Amino acid sequence: MQGEQYYAEGSQPVATGTVVEQPVVLSGTIVNVEQPAPTAYAVQQPAKMPVVIAGAPPPTMVVTTATTVVQPAAPAPAGRWLGGNACGCCDPPGGGPLCCTAFCCPCVVVGQLWHRIVERGGGGTVLGILCGVSIAAYVLEIIVDAILAPMRVGWIFRFPAGFVYLYYMLKIREAAAREGGFQDHPVLCGNECCETYWCLPCIACFIMRHDIAAKQPGYNYQGCGNMAGTVHDLPA
């Protein structure tokens, strides 16, 4: 108690003063003292090691590889005519076969261009129409010249036949320019219609060279063996 003095018998006073209460420690735990919140610690478990049994076959490792199929990129729009010189009918990728076919059988080249540029699979129909028109004009020319001899005016039937060719070629030019991302423009004279009508073989060769260079670079014109004009048809 406060103010009391304690003496040991036969000795000097041990202590005089105020007794201060001290915390009682029981088994290492302090009583009446706020304990700190327990702290959680993560204990890392040792990694499991594989158990190898003597005499057992070695484990089999399965390795899988991902196979990536790379598709060829679609040809980019040309942005301009790629046919080279419009008067160079024997220039690559057409060469002699394209030049001879366009001058002797222009209906074949026009049909192939329709198949390649305007309508896949429709080239045969165009080829048939143009062949019929050409044969009809040729037959009528012979008959009229025979009837009106010595006046040879049968060539006049070539004009309507030429307009049929002109119709299909203008459609082909328009579609080719649209695919390339540019506006059609004359390559020989100042008017697309005029140069296509009067220089049909040259323009047909020019557009075929353009389309092969834009869609099948490295290929050459192979003639009238198929509607594509090349060894392989265009990709679907």
Protein backbone atom coordinates (compact mmCIF):
# COMPACT_ATOMS: atom_id res chain seq x y z
CA MET A 1 0.00 0.00 0.00
CA GLN A 2 1.11 3.55 -0.58
CA GLY A 3 2.95 5.14 2.44
CA GLU A 4 3.75 1.88 4.26
CA GLN A 5 7.29 1.02 5.21
CA TYR A 6 8.76 -2.47 5.25
CA TYR A 7 11.60 -3.63 7.52
CA ALA A 8 13.34 -6.92 7.65
CA GLU A 9 13.91 -8.25 11.11
CA GLY A 10 17.41 -7.51 12.33
CA SER A 11 18.34 -5.44 9.35
CA GLN A 12 18.12 -2.00 7.85
CA PRO A 13 15.04 -0.88 6.04
CA VAL A 14 15.02 -2.43 2.61
CA ALA A 15 12.91 0.02 0.75
CA THR A 16 10.82 3.01 1.49
CA GLY A 17 8.53 4.51 -1.02
CA THR A 18 5.61 3.86 -3.28
CA VAL A 19 4.79 0.40 -4.53
CA VAL A 20 3.99 0.38 -8.23
CA GLU A 21 1.99 -2.45 -9.64
CA GLN A 22 3.94 -4.42 -12.26
CA PRO A 23 2.44 -6.70 -14.88
CA VAL A 24 2.41 -10.33 -13.95
CA VAL A 25 4.13 -12.66 -16.36
CA LEU A 26 2.73 -16.17 -16.56
CA SER A 27 4.47 -18.70 -18.77
CA GLY A 28 5.99 -15.97 -20.93
CA THR A 29 2.67 -14.22 -21.58
CA ILE A 30 2.15 -10.67 -20.37
CA VAL A 31 -1.18 -10.16 -18.67
CA ASN A 32 -3.16 -6.95 -19.00
CA VAL A 33 -1.08 -5.85 -21.96
CA GLU A 34 -2.69 -5.60 -25.40
CA GLN A 35 -1.19 -8.19 -27.68
CA PRO A 36 -0.35 -7.26 -31.26
CA ALA A 37 -2.43 -8.77 -34.03
CA PRO A 38 -1.01 -12.02 -35.30
CA THR A 39 0.90 -11.75 -38.53
CA ALA A 40 0.39 -14.35 -41.24
CA TYR A 41 3.48 -15.67 -42.96
CA ALA A 42 3.47 -17.68 -46.18
CA VAL A 43 5.58 -20.75 -45.89
CA GLN A 44 6.95 -21.97 -49.21
CA GLN A 45 6.58 -25.67 -49.62
CA PRO A 46 9.46 -27.47 -51.23
CA ALA A 47 8.87 -28.50 -54.83
CA LYS A 48 7.89 -32.09 -55.36
CA MET A 49 10.64 -34.08 -56.94
CA PRO A 50 9.79 -36.92 -59.30
CA VAL A 51 10.25 -40.34 -57.84
CA VAL A 52 12.36 -42.60 -60.03
CA ILE A 53 11.88 -46.32 -59.50
CA ALA A 54 14.82 -48.49 -60.34
CA GLY A 55 14.24 -50.60 -63.44
CA ALA A 56 11.25 -48.55 -64.60
CA PRO A 57 11.29 -47.23 -68.17
CA PRO A 58 12.14 -43.53 -68.54
CA PRO A 59 9.19 -41.17 -68.66
CA THR A 60 7.89 -40.28 -72.08
CA MET A 61 7.94 -36.61 -73.00
CA VAL A 62 5.22 -35.48 -75.38
CA VAL A 63 6.14 -32.38 -77.34
CA THR A 64 3.42 -30.58 -79.27
CA THR A 65 4.19 -27.95 -81.84
CA ALA A 66 1.73 -25.43 -83.20
CA THR A 67 1.54 -25.41 -86.97
CA THR A 68 0.90 -22.02 -88.54
CA VAL A 69 -0.41 -21.89 -92.07
CA VAL A 70 0.64 -18.73 -93.82
CA GLN A 71 -1.73 -17.68 -96.56
CA PRO A 72 -0.29 -15.63 -99.39
CA ALA A 73 -1.27 -12.04 -99.21
CA ALA A 74 -3.75 -10.78 -101.72
CA PRO A 75 -2.18 -8.58 -104.37
CA ALA A 76 -2.40 -4.92 -103.49
CA PRO A 77 -4.25 -2.58 -105.82
CA ALA A 78 -1.94 -1.46 -108.58
CA GLY A 79 -2.91 2.21 -108.45
CA ARG A 80 -2.04 2.60 -112.13
CA TRP A 81 -1.90 0.68 -115.39
CA LEU A 82 0.82 -1.99 -115.34
CA GLY A 83 0.69 -2.97 -119.00
CA GLY A 84 3.86 -1.13 -119.93
CA ASN A 85 3.95 0.36 -123.41
CA ALA A 86 0.53 0.19 -125.03
CA CYS A 87 2.16 -0.31 -128.44
CA GLY A 88 4.53 -3.02 -127.22
CA CYS A 89 2.28 -5.94 -128.12
CA CYS A 90 5.16 -8.45 -127.90
CA ASP A 91 6.38 -7.22 -124.51
CA PRO A 92 6.34 -9.60 -121.53
CA PRO A 93 4.43 -11.10 -119.82
CA GLY A 94 2.48 -11.62 -123.04
CA GLY A 95 5.09 -11.86 -125.72
CA GLY A 96 4.48 -13.44 -129.09
CA PRO A 97 1.62 -15.76 -128.05
CA LEU A 98 -0.47 -12.88 -126.74
CA CYS A 99 0.28 -10.69 -129.75
CA CYS A 100 -0.67 -13.40 -132.28
CA THR A 101 -3.83 -14.37 -130.41
CA ALA A 102 -5.02 -10.76 -130.06
CA PHE A 103 -4.52 -9.98 -133.77
CA CYS A 104 -5.81 -13.26 -135.22
CA CYS A 105 -8.52 -14.15 -132.68
CA PRO A 106 -9.32 -11.07 -130.57
CA CYS A 107 -12.50 -12.75 -129.35
CA VAL A 108 -10.34 -15.21 -127.40
CA VAL A 109 -8.37 -12.54 -125.54
CA VAL A 110 -11.51 -10.50 -124.80
CA GLY A 111 -13.22 -13.62 -123.40
CA GLN A 112 -10.18 -14.36 -121.24
CA LEU A 113 -10.12 -10.80 -119.94
CA TRP A 114 -13.81 -11.01 -119.09
CA HIS A 115 -13.14 -14.20 -117.14
CA ARG A 116 -10.16 -12.71 -115.30
CA ILE A 117 -11.53 -9.26 -114.50
CA VAL A 118 -15.31 -8.96 -114.82
CA GLU A 119 -16.99 -12.32 -114.21
CA ARG A 120 -15.25 -15.52 -113.22
CA GLY A 121 -16.60 -18.26 -115.47
CA GLY A 122 -18.37 -15.86 -117.81
CA GLY A 123 -15.58 -15.66 -120.35
CA GLY A 124 -16.92 -18.59 -122.34
CA THR A 125 -20.22 -16.82 -122.95
CA VAL A 126 -18.48 -13.65 -124.12
CA LEU A 127 -16.18 -15.70 -126.33
CA GLY A 128 -19.15 -17.41 -127.96
CA ILE A 129 -20.98 -14.12 -128.58
CA LEU A 130 -17.93 -12.46 -130.12
CA CYS A 131 -17.14 -15.48 -132.27
CA GLY A 132 -20.70 -15.51 -133.59
CA VAL A 133 -20.61 -11.79 -134.34
CA SER A 134 -17.24 -12.08 -136.10
CA ILE A 135 -18.28 -15.05 -138.21
CA ALA A 136 -21.57 -13.37 -139.15
CA ALA A 137 -19.80 -10.19 -140.20
CA TYR A 138 -17.28 -12.17 -142.25
CA VAL A 139 -19.96 -14.21 -144.03
CA LEU A 140 -22.09 -11.16 -144.78
CA GLU A 141 -19.07 -9.37 -146.19
CA ILE A 142 -18.37 -12.22 -148.59
CA ILE A 143 -21.99 -12.44 -149.71
CA VAL A 144 -22.44 -8.70 -150.28
CA ASP A 145 -19.14 -8.42 -152.13
CA ALA A 146 -20.16 -11.29 -154.38
CA ILE A 147 -23.55 -9.75 -155.12
CA LEU A 148 -22.37 -6.19 -155.65
CA ALA A 149 -19.14 -7.02 -157.43
CA PRO A 150 -17.07 -5.22 -158.47
CA MET A 151 -18.24 -2.91 -155.65
CA ARG A 152 -16.68 -4.18 -152.45
CA VAL A 153 -18.75 -2.68 -149.67
CA GLY A 154 -19.08 -5.74 -147.49
CA TRP A 155 -16.51 -4.39 -145.05
CA ILE A 156 -19.27 -2.15 -143.66
CA PHE A 157 -20.46 -5.10 -141.55
CA ARG A 158 -17.24 -4.92 -139.57
CA PHE A 159 -18.44 -1.70 -137.93
CA PRO A 160 -21.34 -3.18 -135.95
CA ALA A 161 -19.16 -6.14 -135.01
CA GLY A 162 -16.53 -3.71 -133.75
CA PHE A 163 -19.11 -1.99 -131.55
CA VAL A 164 -19.94 -5.30 -129.89
CA TYR A 165 -16.22 -5.73 -129.09
CA LEU A 166 -16.12 -2.15 -127.88
CA TYR A 167 -18.98 -2.73 -125.43
CA TYR A 168 -17.23 -5.64 -123.71
CA MET A 169 -13.80 -4.01 -123.75
CA LEU A 170 -15.06 -0.83 -122.09
CA LYS A 171 -16.64 -2.94 -119.36
CA ILE A 172 -13.32 -4.74 -118.92
CA ARG A 173 -11.35 -1.48 -118.75
CA GLU A 174 -13.74 -0.05 -116.17
CA ALA A 175 -13.52 -3.15 -113.98
CA ALA A 176 -9.71 -3.32 -114.27
CA ALA A 177 -9.33 0.32 -113.24
CA ARG A 178 -11.75 -0.17 -110.33
CA GLU A 179 -9.76 -3.18 -109.10
CA GLY A 180 -6.54 -1.22 -109.34
CA GLY A 181 -7.96 1.72 -107.44
CA PHE A 182 -7.54 4.37 -110.13
CA GLN A 183 -9.55 6.15 -112.79
CA ASP A 184 -9.43 4.75 -116.31
CA HIS A 185 -7.53 6.98 -118.69
CA PRO A 186 -6.35 6.74 -122.31
CA VAL A 187 -3.04 5.02 -123.01
CA LEU A 188 -2.71 5.64 -126.76
CA CYS A 189 -4.74 8.70 -127.73
CA GLY A 190 -6.95 11.20 -125.97
CA ASN A 191 -10.06 9.04 -125.68
CA GLU A 192 -10.56 5.58 -124.18
CA CYS A 193 -13.47 4.74 -126.48
CA CYS A 194 -11.63 5.80 -129.63
CA GLU A 195 -8.42 3.91 -128.92
CA THR A 196 -10.28 0.79 -127.83
CA TYR A 197 -12.35 0.68 -131.02
CA TRP A 198 -9.60 1.39 -133.55
CA CYS A 199 -6.71 -0.34 -131.74
CA LEU A 200 -8.51 -3.26 -130.16
CA PRO A 201 -5.65 -5.83 -130.39
CA CYS A 202 -3.15 -3.43 -128.85
CA ILE A 203 -5.49 -2.49 -126.00
CA ALA A 204 -6.41 -6.14 -125.38
CA CYS A 205 -2.71 -7.04 -125.11
CA PHE A 206 -2.10 -4.05 -122.86
CA ILE A 207 -4.87 -4.93 -120.40
CA MET A 208 -3.89 -8.63 -120.36
CA ARG A 209 -0.30 -7.69 -119.47
CA HIS A 210 -1.64 -5.38 -116.77
CA ASP A 211 -3.86 -8.03 -115.22
CA ILE A 212 -1.17 -10.73 -115.23
CA ALA A 213 1.35 -8.34 -113.65
CA ALA A 214 -1.17 -7.29 -110.98
CA LYS A 215 -2.59 -10.71 -110.07
CA GLN A 216 -0.03 -13.31 -111.16
CA PRO A 217 3.42 -11.69 -111.17
CA GLY A 218 6.00 -13.97 -112.71
CA TYR A 219 3.48 -15.77 -114.95
CA ASN A 220 3.41 -15.59 -118.75
CA TYR A 221 0.56 -15.69 -121.20
CA GLN A 222 0.17 -19.23 -122.57
CA GLY A 223 -2.40 -18.77 -125.33
CA CYS A 224 -5.96 -19.99 -125.71
CA GLY A 225 -5.58 -23.24 -123.77
CA ASN A 226 -7.85 -22.01 -120.95
CA MET A 227 -9.89 -18.99 -120.03
CA ALA A 228 -7.22 -17.67 -117.66
CA GLY A 229 -4.60 -17.47 -120.40
CA THR A 230 -1.94 -18.66 -117.94
CA VAL A 231 -0.80 -22.08 -116.76
CA HIS A 232 -2.84 -21.83 -113.55
CA ASP A 233 -6.19 -20.14 -113.12
CA LEU A 234 -6.62 -17.26 -110.76
CA PRO A 235 -7.05 -18.17 -107.07
CA ALA A 236 -10.66 -18.36 -105.94
